[in-house]
């Protein structure tokens, strides 16, 4: 099994930390986490990708410790898209790679795959469907109810609420979104990445900037790219017990994806399916990108 190492360095003007495995001259497989999460959940997939000859990399997103908080304290989704492209600049070895994203990482993937299509030969996303599908769900009561936490994040008291009682809010989201999964072993790393103070504020700013596009700043074009369809064949994965995006119709997802795409419902998994069913997720990803 390929060794996974943690490295750090400057990417897109930010000091990033990332997990890395596989040959440096192999095609890039970039794996992106969401909220509230870290790249630790990608370890089984990183091992498998590296064993297949990919240069597998999974960074901590900007503002998520140990990656640095930007000077302006913000972490808008447009910057995440720009960061993904910059990782390909640094590690792409001059060839198209694979991009994998979960939650905010999925939204980042849609933007990067649309804005810089030639960089990515295949796309894998999980737990948040493409914008064309998500936009219609945002008008639905059940989805608005499931997204209650986002409206908390828009409040000036959000940092106090989320930080209270050792980030019990974060533990609650994991329990709600992946019911039945014991996240006890996972949460310390997540809480460290979202430490109250600049890290937590940066993480919450991703939501604030999505509801107020003026906060995207110089990254507004990168953020807008997530609104456009991407051309690559795509594998979309979703847990059958997802409490964040519940009761998703995968036929609707497939209808907005390009030819050659697939969707797969991961049984016995909630929102954090890469932790709950790592073997099923890894098998599905490898079969798709190498098929």
Protein backbone atom coordinates (compact mmCIF):
# COMPACT_ATOMS: atom_id res chain seq x y z
CA UNK A 1 0.00 0.00 0.00
CA UNK A 2 1.33 3.40 -1.00
CA UNK A 3 2.57 5.61 1.81
CA UNK A 4 0.68 8.82 2.59
CA UNK A 5 2.73 11.78 3.73
CA UNK A 6 1.74 15.25 4.88
CA UNK A 7 3.43 18.17 3.17
CA UNK A 8 3.07 21.93 3.07
CA UNK A 9 3.98 24.74 0.74
CA UNK A 10 2.69 27.82 -1.01
CA UNK A 11 -0.12 27.36 -3.53
CA UNK A 12 -2.03 30.32 -4.95
CA UNK A 13 -0.38 32.65 -2.46
CA UNK A 14 -1.44 30.64 0.61
CA UNK A 15 0.58 28.27 2.79
CA UNK A 16 -1.30 24.99 2.30
CA UNK A 17 -1.00 21.63 4.00
CA UNK A 18 -1.94 18.48 2.11
CA UNK A 19 -1.84 14.70 2.17
CA UNK A 20 0.09 13.16 -0.71
CA UNK A 21 0.70 9.69 -2.10
CA UNK A 22 1.82 8.13 -5.35
CA UNK A 23 4.39 8.92 -8.04
CA UNK A 24 5.09 12.63 -8.57
CA UNK A 25 5.08 12.17 -12.34
CA UNK A 26 1.73 10.36 -12.31
CA UNK A 27 -1.53 12.01 -13.35
CA UNK A 28 -2.94 14.21 -10.62
CA UNK A 29 -5.90 12.99 -8.59
CA UNK A 30 -6.99 15.96 -6.50
CA UNK A 31 -9.39 15.15 -3.63
CA UNK A 32 -11.23 18.03 -1.98
CA UNK A 33 -13.08 17.98 1.35
CA UNK A 34 -16.02 20.06 2.50
CA UNK A 35 -17.48 21.40 5.74
CA UNK A 36 -17.11 20.49 8.54
CA UNK A 37 -14.35 18.14 7.48
CA UNK A 38 -10.69 17.59 6.62
CA UNK A 39 -8.85 15.53 3.98
CA UNK A 40 -8.43 12.69 6.47
CA UNK A 41 -11.54 11.03 5.11
CA UNK A 42 -9.84 10.56 1.74
CA UNK A 43 -7.04 8.34 3.09
CA UNK A 44 -8.48 5.02 1.78
CA UNK A 45 -9.04 6.58 -1.63
CA UNK A 46 -5.58 8.18 -1.66
CA UNK A 47 -3.99 4.78 -1.01
CA UNK A 48 -5.96 3.19 -3.83
CA UNK A 49 -5.34 6.01 -6.31
CA UNK A 50 -1.62 5.97 -5.58
CA UNK A 51 -1.47 2.19 -6.03
CA UNK A 52 -3.02 2.73 -9.48
CA UNK A 53 -0.25 5.18 -10.42
CA UNK A 54 -1.99 8.46 -9.67
CA UNK A 55 -0.32 11.33 -7.87
CA UNK A 56 -3.00 11.66 -5.20
CA UNK A 57 -3.26 14.90 -3.23
CA UNK A 58 -5.84 16.03 -0.67
CA UNK A 59 -5.34 19.54 0.78
CA UNK A 60 -6.81 21.17 3.83
CA UNK A 61 -8.92 23.98 2.36
CA UNK A 62 -7.82 27.58 2.83
CA UNK A 63 -8.47 28.66 6.38
CA UNK A 64 -8.73 25.09 7.69
CA UNK A 65 -5.75 24.46 9.98
CA UNK A 66 -2.98 23.60 9.32
CA UNK A 67 -3.54 25.46 6.03
CA UNK A 68 -3.15 29.18 6.64
CA UNK A 69 -5.92 31.71 7.02
CA UNK A 70 -5.68 34.26 4.17
CA UNK A 71 -4.67 37.79 5.06
CA UNK A 72 -8.23 39.04 4.58
CA UNK A 73 -9.58 36.29 6.84
CA UNK A 74 -11.97 35.03 4.16
CA UNK A 75 -12.37 31.72 2.36
CA UNK A 76 -14.91 32.26 -0.46
CA UNK A 77 -15.81 29.39 -2.76
CA UNK A 78 -14.33 31.26 -5.74
CA UNK A 79 -10.94 31.08 -4.02
CA UNK A 80 -11.42 27.34 -3.50
CA UNK A 81 -11.92 26.99 -7.27
CA UNK A 82 -8.80 29.04 -7.93
CA UNK A 83 -6.88 26.92 -5.41
CA UNK A 84 -7.90 23.69 -7.17
CA UNK A 85 -6.64 25.07 -10.47
CA UNK A 86 -3.42 26.20 -8.78
CA UNK A 87 -2.86 22.70 -7.38
CA UNK A 88 -3.08 21.39 -10.93
CA UNK A 89 -0.57 24.04 -11.99
CA UNK A 90 1.85 22.74 -9.37
CA UNK A 91 1.20 19.00 -9.50
CA UNK A 92 -0.55 18.31 -12.80
CA UNK A 93 2.63 17.17 -14.60
CA UNK A 94 1.33 18.76 -17.79
CA UNK A 95 -1.49 16.28 -18.25
CA UNK A 96 -5.22 16.11 -17.50
CA UNK A 97 -6.01 14.85 -14.03
CA UNK A 98 -8.95 13.63 -12.02
CA UNK A 99 -10.76 15.84 -9.52
CA UNK A 100 -12.83 14.46 -6.65
CA UNK A 101 -14.93 16.63 -4.35
CA UNK A 102 -17.26 16.17 -1.38
CA UNK A 103 -19.68 18.81 -0.06
CA UNK A 104 -17.99 22.22 -0.60
CA UNK A 105 -15.33 20.21 -2.40
CA UNK A 106 -18.02 19.06 -4.83
CA UNK A 107 -19.07 22.64 -5.52
CA UNK A 108 -15.42 23.55 -5.99
CA UNK A 109 -15.07 20.68 -8.42
CA UNK A 110 -17.99 21.88 -10.52
CA UNK A 111 -16.39 25.31 -10.77
CA UNK A 112 -12.87 24.09 -11.55
CA UNK A 113 -14.11 21.52 -14.09
CA UNK A 114 -16.16 24.18 -15.86
CA UNK A 115 -13.62 27.01 -15.76
CA UNK A 116 -10.55 24.94 -16.74
CA UNK A 117 -12.04 21.94 -18.52
CA UNK A 118 -8.83 20.82 -20.23
CA UNK A 119 -7.17 20.19 -16.87
CA UNK A 120 -9.53 17.37 -15.84
CA UNK A 121 -10.37 14.19 -17.74
CA UNK A 122 -12.88 12.89 -15.19
CA UNK A 123 -14.90 14.31 -12.32
CA UNK A 124 -16.21 12.65 -9.17
CA UNK A 125 -18.48 14.47 -6.74
CA UNK A 126 -20.42 13.45 -3.66
CA UNK A 127 -23.19 14.64 -1.36
CA UNK A 128 -23.94 17.98 -3.06
CA UNK A 129 -25.41 17.77 -6.58
CA UNK A 130 -24.63 20.18 -9.44
CA UNK A 131 -25.89 23.74 -9.15
CA UNK A 132 -28.68 23.18 -11.68
CA UNK A 133 -30.20 20.60 -9.33
CA UNK A 134 -29.31 22.30 -6.06
CA UNK A 135 -30.88 25.59 -7.14
CA UNK A 136 -34.30 24.00 -7.53
CA UNK A 137 -33.97 22.27 -4.16
CA UNK A 138 -33.34 25.61 -2.46
CA UNK A 139 -36.98 26.48 -3.17
CA UNK A 140 -38.19 23.32 -1.46
CA UNK A 141 -39.26 23.41 2.19
CA UNK A 142 -37.57 20.13 3.08
CA UNK A 143 -34.21 21.30 1.76
CA UNK A 144 -34.51 24.75 3.33
CA UNK A 145 -35.25 23.04 6.64
CA UNK A 146 -32.20 20.81 6.23
CA UNK A 147 -30.07 23.89 5.50
CA UNK A 148 -31.09 25.65 8.73
CA UNK A 149 -27.47 25.78 9.88
CA UNK A 150 -26.51 27.98 6.93
CA UNK A 151 -28.87 30.71 8.10
CA UNK A 152 -27.26 30.52 11.54
CA UNK A 153 -23.87 31.06 9.88
CA UNK A 154 -25.10 34.33 8.38
CA UNK A 155 -25.70 35.80 11.84
CA UNK A 156 -23.10 37.94 13.66
CA UNK A 157 -23.36 35.58 16.65
CA UNK A 158 -22.52 32.49 14.57
CA UNK A 159 -18.96 32.12 15.86
CA UNK A 160 -20.17 32.13 19.46
CA UNK A 161 -22.89 29.58 18.72
CA UNK A 162 -20.64 27.18 16.79
CA UNK A 163 -17.69 27.45 19.21
CA UNK A 164 -19.81 26.87 22.31
CA UNK A 165 -19.18 23.75 24.41
CA UNK A 166 -16.12 22.56 22.47
CA UNK A 167 -17.74 22.96 19.05
CA UNK A 168 -20.73 20.82 20.00
CA UNK A 169 -22.50 22.39 17.01
CA UNK A 170 -20.06 20.60 14.67
CA UNK A 171 -20.61 17.27 16.41
CA UNK A 172 -24.33 17.82 16.05
CA UNK A 173 -24.06 18.34 12.30
CA UNK A 174 -22.13 15.10 11.90
CA UNK A 175 -24.77 13.25 13.92
CA UNK A 176 -27.63 14.78 11.94
CA UNK A 177 -26.06 14.32 8.53
CA UNK A 178 -24.72 10.80 9.02
CA UNK A 179 -27.20 9.24 11.44
CA UNK A 180 -25.94 6.07 13.04
CA UNK A 181 -22.28 6.82 12.33
CA UNK A 182 -20.01 7.19 15.35
CA UNK A 183 -17.74 10.13 14.54
CA UNK A 184 -15.92 10.09 17.88
CA UNK A 185 -12.56 9.24 16.29
CA UNK A 186 -13.01 11.77 13.47
CA UNK A 187 -14.12 14.87 15.35
CA UNK A 188 -10.81 15.83 17.03
CA UNK A 189 -9.17 16.45 13.64
CA UNK A 190 -12.22 18.34 12.40
CA UNK A 191 -12.31 20.53 15.51
CA UNK A 192 -8.60 21.25 15.19
CA UNK A 193 -9.10 22.42 11.61
CA UNK A 194 -11.97 24.69 12.66
CA UNK A 195 -10.42 26.10 15.81
CA UNK A 196 -12.43 29.04 17.21
CA UNK A 197 -10.94 32.29 16.04
CA UNK A 198 -9.62 33.01 12.55
CA UNK A 199 -10.01 29.40 11.32
CA UNK A 200 -13.68 29.16 12.26
CA UNK A 201 -14.45 32.60 10.87
CA UNK A 202 -12.76 31.70 7.59
CA UNK A 203 -14.81 28.51 7.33
CA UNK A 204 -18.07 30.32 8.02
CA UNK A 205 -17.14 32.99 5.47
CA UNK A 206 -17.54 30.42 2.69
CA UNK A 207 -21.27 30.42 3.43
CA UNK A 208 -21.46 34.17 3.91
CA UNK A 209 -19.76 34.83 0.58
CA UNK A 210 -22.07 32.41 -1.20
CA UNK A 211 -25.12 34.32 -0.01
CA UNK A 212 -23.41 37.65 -0.73
CA UNK A 213 -21.41 37.36 -3.93
CA UNK A 214 -19.79 40.74 -3.35
CA UNK A 215 -17.65 38.95 -0.75
CA UNK A 216 -16.12 36.78 -3.47
CA UNK A 217 -13.84 39.71 -4.27
CA UNK A 218 -11.20 38.95 -6.89
CA UNK A 219 -12.50 35.39 -7.16
CA UNK A 220 -15.97 36.28 -8.41
CA UNK A 221 -15.43 34.80 -11.89
CA UNK A 222 -14.18 31.58 -10.33
CA UNK A 223 -17.28 31.46 -8.14
CA UNK A 224 -19.54 32.10 -11.12
CA UNK A 225 -18.00 29.10 -12.91
CA UNK A 226 -19.79 26.73 -10.50
CA UNK A 227 -23.06 27.92 -12.07
CA UNK A 228 -22.11 26.60 -15.51
CA UNK A 229 -22.32 22.94 -16.59
CA UNK A 230 -19.00 21.14 -16.84
CA UNK A 231 -18.29 18.94 -19.89
CA UNK A 232 -16.43 16.01 -18.33
CA UNK A 233 -18.02 12.66 -17.67
CA UNK A 234 -18.90 12.59 -13.99
CA UNK A 235 -19.57 10.08 -11.26
CA UNK A 236 -21.95 11.40 -8.62
CA UNK A 237 -22.22 9.56 -5.29
CA UNK A 238 -24.86 10.07 -2.61
CA UNK A 239 -25.60 8.33 0.68
CA UNK A 240 -29.07 6.87 1.08
CA UNK A 241 -29.32 8.32 4.61
CA UNK A 242 -27.90 11.79 3.87
CA UNK A 243 -29.36 14.23 6.39
CA UNK A 244 -27.95 17.35 4.74
CA UNK A 245 -29.29 16.82 1.21
CA UNK A 246 -32.13 14.37 1.89
CA UNK A 247 -34.18 12.34 -0.58
CA UNK A 248 -32.18 13.36 -3.64
CA UNK A 249 -33.54 12.15 -6.99
CA UNK A 250 -30.48 10.76 -8.76
CA UNK A 251 -32.30 10.75 -12.09
CA UNK A 252 -32.46 14.54 -11.86
CA UNK A 253 -28.73 14.63 -11.22
CA UNK A 254 -27.92 12.36 -14.16
CA UNK A 255 -30.08 14.50 -16.44
CA UNK A 256 -27.81 17.53 -16.01
CA UNK A 257 -24.51 15.65 -16.39
CA UNK A 258 -22.63 15.02 -19.61
CA UNK A 259 -22.69 11.84 -21.68
CA UNK A 260 -20.91 8.92 -20.07
CA UNK A 261 -21.74 10.07 -16.55
CA UNK A 262 -23.08 7.88 -13.76
CA UNK A 263 -24.77 8.23 -10.41
CA UNK A 264 -24.61 5.77 -7.54
CA UNK A 265 -26.51 5.57 -4.28
CA UNK A 266 -24.27 4.36 -1.47
CA UNK A 267 -26.38 2.25 0.83
CA UNK A 268 -25.86 2.47 4.57
CA UNK A 269 -24.23 5.88 4.35
CA UNK A 270 -25.18 9.42 5.21
CA UNK A 271 -23.53 12.66 4.16
CA UNK A 272 -19.97 11.66 5.09
CA UNK A 273 -20.00 8.54 2.93
CA UNK A 274 -16.23 8.37 2.42
CA UNK A 275 -15.90 7.71 6.17
CA UNK A 276 -18.90 5.42 6.48
CA UNK A 277 -18.43 3.25 3.39
CA UNK A 278 -14.80 3.79 2.31
CA UNK A 279 -14.55 0.51 0.41
CA UNK A 280 -17.72 1.18 -1.58
CA UNK A 281 -16.65 4.74 -2.37
CA UNK A 282 -13.13 3.71 -3.37
CA UNK A 283 -14.35 0.88 -5.58
CA UNK A 284 -16.86 3.13 -7.32
CA UNK A 285 -14.30 5.87 -7.95
CA UNK A 286 -11.61 3.54 -9.30
CA UNK A 287 -14.05 1.70 -11.56
CA UNK A 288 -15.26 4.98 -13.00
CA UNK A 289 -12.00 6.84 -13.59
CA UNK A 290 -10.21 3.80 -14.99
CA UNK A 291 -13.19 2.46 -16.90
